[in-house]
């Protein structure tokens, strides 16, 4: 599983609104980085505190990381840009608020080698606030697993917090759909469905695990001043129109979209926002319906190679 330039895996970490915890995440990755690994940090922050900016510059100068700056936060664009820059045959996406297991990269590569699959999703242990977190954290602590499967199994819904993919396949299906704006809810579910529809298989494996720290700021919590109200629910609605009627989950995802949008607590408790919230929601429904069959991506792939238009 080694690419022609000798790098076998590229780790891609998009970051937004995170500073100290980003440094902690990078330290965790670098500590267990295979000698041929590559770490790409896609930075969507306008600025960092001085000490954080200095540390990122030190790592970049030492070629420990490749730092890519984006002027506007967009979760799907950031991941696609990182994948485009990656030099390896396998790309591993991680969130910017995680602690990784000691052999995370090796376990991802092993799973790709031992199973016929295009994507490997590792277990994600959700940190609980009463637990002290340090670099020695392990899966034996009382964290809540995202999947909870004790052994490998085939899945369609992948979690982009800890997923590795064959770069060629990722490129050929268009990467993450950039129609999923703002918090981009369900963008990873959509990618899993598109991979499966294209005839590829997605494997869950418990061995390449991480601990997700669930930082209270940053990440998906993009301010409303950056993305408007309709983006709160549009991703879930795109998934509902694109896949929900085929897999029987349309009604479930429509309900989730309503809770993410007009029935979100910050709207419900402020009656003066009801009109605007519902207007934005119906616009999101219209946008999602129109985009249900159109994947928008900054990733390009020759039509004669992939079969993509």
Protein backbone atom coordinates (compact mmCIF):
# COMPACT_ATOMS: atom_id res chain seq x y z
CA UNK A 1 0.00 0.00 0.00
CA UNK A 2 2.91 2.31 -0.73
CA UNK A 3 2.60 5.05 -3.33
CA UNK A 4 5.24 5.65 -5.97
CA UNK A 5 6.87 8.42 -3.91
CA UNK A 6 7.25 6.15 -0.89
CA UNK A 7 4.49 7.66 1.27
CA UNK A 8 1.88 5.12 2.24
CA UNK A 9 -0.70 7.22 4.09
CA UNK A 10 -1.62 10.90 4.25
CA UNK A 11 -3.40 12.23 7.33
CA UNK A 12 -5.68 15.21 6.68
CA UNK A 13 -6.91 17.41 9.53
CA UNK A 14 -9.22 20.32 8.65
CA UNK A 15 -9.41 22.85 11.47
CA UNK A 16 -11.64 25.77 12.34
CA UNK A 17 -12.12 27.66 15.60
CA UNK A 18 -9.66 25.45 17.45
CA UNK A 19 -6.27 26.46 18.84
CA UNK A 20 -4.78 24.72 21.91
CA UNK A 21 -6.71 21.53 21.23
CA UNK A 22 -5.47 21.56 17.63
CA UNK A 23 -1.90 21.58 18.94
CA UNK A 24 -2.77 18.65 21.22
CA UNK A 25 -4.23 16.73 18.27
CA UNK A 26 -1.20 17.32 16.07
CA UNK A 27 1.13 16.26 18.89
CA UNK A 28 -0.86 13.05 19.26
CA UNK A 29 -0.58 12.32 15.53
CA UNK A 30 3.11 13.19 15.23
CA UNK A 31 3.93 11.00 18.22
CA UNK A 32 2.61 7.93 16.39
CA UNK A 33 3.31 8.96 12.81
CA UNK A 34 4.77 6.20 10.59
CA UNK A 35 8.14 7.22 9.19
CA UNK A 36 6.65 7.51 5.70
CA UNK A 37 3.50 9.30 6.75
CA UNK A 38 2.31 12.74 5.69
CA UNK A 39 0.29 15.16 7.83
CA UNK A 40 -1.72 17.89 6.08
CA UNK A 41 -3.43 20.53 8.22
CA UNK A 42 -6.05 22.58 6.36
CA UNK A 43 -6.33 25.75 8.45
CA UNK A 44 -9.54 27.76 8.05
CA UNK A 45 -8.85 30.16 10.94
CA UNK A 46 -8.29 33.83 10.25
CA UNK A 47 -5.67 33.90 13.00
CA UNK A 48 -4.37 31.90 15.97
CA UNK A 49 -3.05 32.98 19.37
CA UNK A 50 0.63 33.83 19.08
CA UNK A 51 1.92 30.67 20.77
CA UNK A 52 -0.26 28.42 18.59
CA UNK A 53 0.76 30.21 15.38
CA UNK A 54 4.42 29.92 16.40
CA UNK A 55 4.17 26.17 17.01
CA UNK A 56 2.42 25.58 13.68
CA UNK A 57 5.17 27.56 11.94
CA UNK A 58 7.87 25.49 13.68
CA UNK A 59 6.25 22.24 12.53
CA UNK A 60 5.80 23.55 9.01
CA UNK A 61 9.43 24.70 8.76
CA UNK A 62 10.60 21.30 10.00
CA UNK A 63 8.35 19.61 7.37
CA UNK A 64 6.47 17.78 10.13
CA UNK A 65 3.23 19.16 8.72
CA UNK A 66 2.05 20.72 5.49
CA UNK A 67 -0.06 23.74 6.39
CA UNK A 68 -2.69 24.88 3.90
CA UNK A 69 -4.62 28.10 4.57
CA UNK A 70 -8.20 28.61 3.38
CA UNK A 71 -9.81 32.05 3.53
CA UNK A 72 -13.35 30.84 4.26
CA UNK A 73 -14.42 27.92 6.47
CA UNK A 74 -16.08 25.07 4.57
CA UNK A 75 -15.74 21.57 5.99
CA UNK A 76 -16.16 19.68 2.71
CA UNK A 77 -13.95 22.03 0.70
CA UNK A 78 -11.22 21.73 3.34
CA UNK A 79 -11.25 17.95 3.19
CA UNK A 80 -11.27 17.91 -0.61
CA UNK A 81 -8.39 20.39 -0.80
CA UNK A 82 -6.40 18.27 1.64
CA UNK A 83 -7.04 15.12 -0.38
CA UNK A 84 -5.99 16.86 -3.58
CA UNK A 85 -2.64 17.80 -2.01
CA UNK A 86 -2.06 14.33 -0.54
CA UNK A 87 0.81 12.33 -2.05
CA UNK A 88 -0.23 8.91 -0.79
CA UNK A 89 -2.51 6.19 -2.08
CA UNK A 90 -4.52 6.23 1.18
CA UNK A 91 -5.95 9.40 2.78
CA UNK A 92 -6.99 9.37 6.44
CA UNK A 93 -9.37 12.09 7.64
CA UNK A 94 -9.32 13.08 11.32
CA UNK A 95 -11.04 15.83 13.27
CA UNK A 96 -8.98 18.53 14.96
CA UNK A 97 -10.03 17.54 18.50
CA UNK A 98 -8.94 13.92 18.84
CA UNK A 99 -6.38 11.73 20.57
CA UNK A 100 -5.29 8.81 18.44
CA UNK A 101 -4.43 5.24 19.39
CA UNK A 102 -0.73 4.29 19.20
CA UNK A 103 -1.06 2.24 15.99
CA UNK A 104 -3.90 4.09 14.28
CA UNK A 105 -2.24 4.50 10.88
CA UNK A 106 -0.84 0.97 10.81
CA UNK A 107 -4.24 -0.48 11.71
CA UNK A 108 -5.95 1.49 8.94
CA UNK A 109 -3.40 0.24 6.41
CA UNK A 110 -3.66 -3.33 7.70
CA UNK A 111 -7.44 -3.26 7.29
CA UNK A 112 -7.08 -2.00 3.70
CA UNK A 113 -4.57 -4.77 2.96
CA UNK A 114 -6.59 -7.59 4.52
CA UNK A 115 -10.05 -6.68 3.16
CA UNK A 116 -11.32 -5.75 -0.27
CA UNK A 117 -12.63 -2.30 0.58
CA UNK A 118 -12.17 1.29 -0.51
CA UNK A 119 -12.78 2.82 2.92
CA UNK A 120 -12.05 1.87 6.52
CA UNK A 121 -13.94 3.52 9.37
CA UNK A 122 -12.36 3.15 12.81
CA UNK A 123 -14.09 3.24 16.18
CA UNK A 124 -14.68 6.68 17.70
CA UNK A 125 -14.81 6.86 21.47
CA UNK A 126 -16.73 9.96 22.53
CA UNK A 127 -15.06 11.55 25.53
CA UNK A 128 -17.17 12.13 28.63
CA UNK A 129 -16.47 15.28 30.59
CA UNK A 130 -15.77 13.59 33.92
CA UNK A 131 -12.77 11.70 32.52
CA UNK A 132 -9.29 13.16 32.71
CA UNK A 133 -7.77 13.13 29.24
CA UNK A 134 -4.05 12.81 28.61
CA UNK A 135 -1.77 11.36 25.99
CA UNK A 136 -1.99 7.91 27.61
CA UNK A 137 -5.78 7.63 27.21
CA UNK A 138 -6.94 4.27 25.91
CA UNK A 139 -10.14 2.59 24.82
CA UNK A 140 -10.51 0.88 28.20
CA UNK A 141 -11.67 4.11 29.80
CA UNK A 142 -15.36 4.80 30.22
CA UNK A 143 -15.86 6.51 26.89
CA UNK A 144 -18.91 5.94 24.71
CA UNK A 145 -18.21 4.17 21.40
CA UNK A 146 -19.82 5.70 18.31
CA UNK A 147 -20.36 2.35 16.58
CA UNK A 148 -20.01 -0.21 19.35
CA UNK A 149 -19.36 -3.19 17.04
CA UNK A 150 -16.85 -5.59 18.53
CA UNK A 151 -15.61 -6.92 15.20
CA UNK A 152 -15.28 -5.80 11.57
CA UNK A 153 -18.47 -5.42 9.52
CA UNK A 154 -19.62 -3.79 6.30
CA UNK A 155 -21.43 -0.46 6.67
CA UNK A 156 -22.79 2.32 4.46
CA UNK A 157 -22.82 5.25 6.91
CA UNK A 158 -19.27 6.36 7.57
CA UNK A 159 -18.05 8.91 10.13
CA UNK A 160 -15.52 11.38 8.76
CA UNK A 161 -13.96 11.84 12.21
CA UNK A 162 -11.84 8.71 11.62
CA UNK A 163 -12.00 7.30 8.10
CA UNK A 164 -9.36 6.27 5.55
CA UNK A 165 -10.05 5.95 1.84
CA UNK A 166 -8.26 4.97 -1.31
CA UNK A 167 -7.48 8.34 -2.83
CA UNK A 168 -8.26 7.19 -6.37
CA UNK A 169 -11.74 5.96 -5.40
CA UNK A 170 -12.40 9.05 -3.27
CA UNK A 171 -11.50 11.22 -6.26
CA UNK A 172 -13.59 9.23 -8.70
CA UNK A 173 -16.82 9.61 -6.69
CA UNK A 174 -16.19 13.35 -6.34
CA UNK A 175 -14.99 13.47 -2.74
CA UNK A 176 -17.18 15.26 -0.23
CA UNK A 177 -20.11 17.08 -1.84
CA UNK A 178 -19.57 20.82 -1.40
CA UNK A 179 -23.33 21.40 -1.53
CA UNK A 180 -23.14 20.43 2.16
CA UNK A 181 -22.39 23.88 3.52
CA UNK A 182 -22.17 25.36 7.00
CA UNK A 183 -22.12 22.57 9.59
CA UNK A 184 -22.47 20.16 6.64
CA UNK A 185 -24.66 17.68 8.52
CA UNK A 186 -24.82 14.20 6.88
CA UNK A 187 -22.00 14.89 4.43
CA UNK A 188 -20.19 11.73 5.52
CA UNK A 189 -23.36 9.63 5.33
CA UNK A 190 -23.79 10.91 1.78
CA UNK A 191 -20.23 9.93 0.84
CA UNK A 192 -20.76 6.44 2.22
CA UNK A 193 -23.95 6.01 0.21
CA UNK A 194 -22.28 7.23 -2.99
CA UNK A 195 -19.33 4.88 -2.51
CA UNK A 196 -21.70 1.96 -2.00
CA UNK A 197 -23.82 2.94 -5.00
CA UNK A 198 -20.66 3.00 -7.12
CA UNK A 199 -19.98 -0.62 -6.19
CA UNK A 200 -17.37 -0.05 -3.48
CA UNK A 201 -17.37 -1.43 0.05
CA UNK A 202 -16.95 0.44 3.34
CA UNK A 203 -15.54 -1.50 6.28
CA UNK A 204 -15.90 -0.72 9.97
CA UNK A 205 -12.96 -2.03 11.97
CA UNK A 206 -12.62 -1.56 15.76
CA UNK A 207 -8.80 -1.60 15.87
CA UNK A 208 -7.95 1.83 14.39
CA UNK A 209 -9.66 3.77 17.20
CA UNK A 210 -9.49 7.37 18.36
CA UNK A 211 -10.91 9.37 21.26
CA UNK A 212 -13.05 12.30 20.10
CA UNK A 213 -12.74 15.14 22.62
CA UNK A 214 -15.84 16.99 21.37
CA UNK A 215 -14.48 20.49 21.95
CA UNK A 216 -17.34 22.88 22.80
CA UNK A 217 -16.22 25.55 20.31
CA UNK A 218 -15.11 25.45 16.69
CA UNK A 219 -15.38 22.55 14.30
CA UNK A 220 -18.88 22.33 12.83
CA UNK A 221 -20.05 25.29 14.90
CA UNK A 222 -19.54 27.83 12.14
CA UNK A 223 -21.05 31.22 13.10
CA UNK A 224 -24.31 32.32 11.50
CA UNK A 225 -22.48 35.41 10.24
CA UNK A 226 -20.43 33.07 8.03
CA UNK A 227 -23.24 30.76 6.89
CA UNK A 228 -26.95 31.74 7.07
CA UNK A 229 -29.81 29.97 8.85
CA UNK A 230 -30.83 27.75 5.91
CA UNK A 231 -27.48 25.96 6.03
CA UNK A 232 -28.34 24.47 9.44
CA UNK A 233 -30.62 21.88 7.84
CA UNK A 234 -29.76 21.78 4.15
CA UNK A 235 -27.21 18.94 4.38
CA UNK A 236 -29.65 16.61 6.08
CA UNK A 237 -32.29 17.52 3.50
CA UNK A 238 -29.92 16.76 0.60
CA UNK A 239 -29.31 13.34 2.11
CA UNK A 240 -33.07 12.78 2.51
CA UNK A 241 -33.83 13.61 -1.13
CA UNK A 242 -30.76 11.85 -2.55
CA UNK A 243 -30.82 8.61 -0.55
CA UNK A 244 -33.69 8.61 1.92
CA UNK A 245 -36.44 7.42 -0.40
CA UNK A 246 -34.24 4.50 -1.49
CA UNK A 247 -33.21 3.32 1.96
CA UNK A 248 -36.42 4.20 3.82
CA UNK A 249 -34.83 6.92 5.95
CA UNK A 250 -36.36 9.97 4.26
CA UNK A 251 -38.91 10.74 7.00
CA UNK A 252 -36.30 10.27 9.73
CA UNK A 253 -33.90 12.70 8.06
CA UNK A 254 -36.66 15.25 7.38
CA UNK A 255 -37.49 15.21 11.10
CA UNK A 256 -33.83 15.71 11.96
CA UNK A 257 -33.64 18.62 9.52
CA UNK A 258 -36.59 20.34 11.21
CA UNK A 259 -34.93 19.94 14.62
CA UNK A 260 -31.67 21.31 13.24
CA UNK A 261 -33.46 24.28 11.69
CA UNK A 262 -36.70 25.97 12.76
CA UNK A 263 -37.20 23.81 15.87
CA UNK A 264 -33.68 24.36 17.13
CA UNK A 265 -33.84 25.60 20.72
CA UNK A 266 -32.36 29.02 19.95
CA UNK A 267 -35.24 29.54 17.48
CA UNK A 268 -38.04 28.05 19.57
CA UNK A 269 -37.38 30.29 22.58
CA UNK A 270 -37.34 33.45 20.42
CA UNK A 271 -40.75 33.82 18.71
CA UNK A 272 -39.54 36.78 16.67
CA UNK A 273 -37.23 34.39 14.81
CA UNK A 274 -39.92 31.91 13.81
CA UNK A 275 -40.83 33.53 10.49
CA UNK A 276 -37.24 33.84 9.35
CA UNK A 277 -36.37 30.33 10.53
CA UNK A 278 -39.21 28.70 8.61
CA UNK A 279 -38.56 30.82 5.51
CA UNK A 280 -34.94 29.68 5.52
CA UNK A 281 -36.02 26.08 6.07
CA UNK A 282 -38.29 26.08 3.02
CA UNK A 283 -35.47 27.63 0.98
CA UNK A 284 -33.23 24.78 2.20
CA UNK A 285 -35.85 22.25 1.06
CA UNK A 286 -35.93 23.83 -2.40
CA UNK A 287 -32.13 23.98 -2.63
CA UNK A 288 -31.77 20.36 -1.50
CA UNK A 289 -34.37 19.13 -3.98
CA UNK A 290 -32.64 20.91 -6.85
CA UNK A 291 -29.20 19.58 -5.86
CA UNK A 292 -30.31 16.02 -5.07
CA UNK A 293 -28.64 14.58 -8.19
CA UNK A 294 -25.73 17.01 -8.53
CA UNK A 295 -22.48 16.55 -6.61
CA UNK A 296 -20.45 19.78 -6.46
CA UNK A 297 -16.74 19.30 -5.81
CA UNK A 298 -13.44 21.10 -6.33
CA UNK A 299 -11.89 17.68 -7.01
CA UNK A 300 -11.31 16.98 -10.68
CA UNK A 301 -10.89 13.57 -12.25
CA UNK A 302 -10.51 12.76 -15.97
CA UNK A 303 -13.76 11.40 -17.37
CA UNK A 304 -11.97 8.70 -19.34
CA UNK A 305 -10.39 7.42 -16.13
CA UNK A 306 -13.26 7.53 -13.68
CA UNK A 307 -16.35 7.53 -15.77
CA UNK A 308 -17.55 10.68 -13.99
CA UNK A 309 -19.02 13.39 -16.18
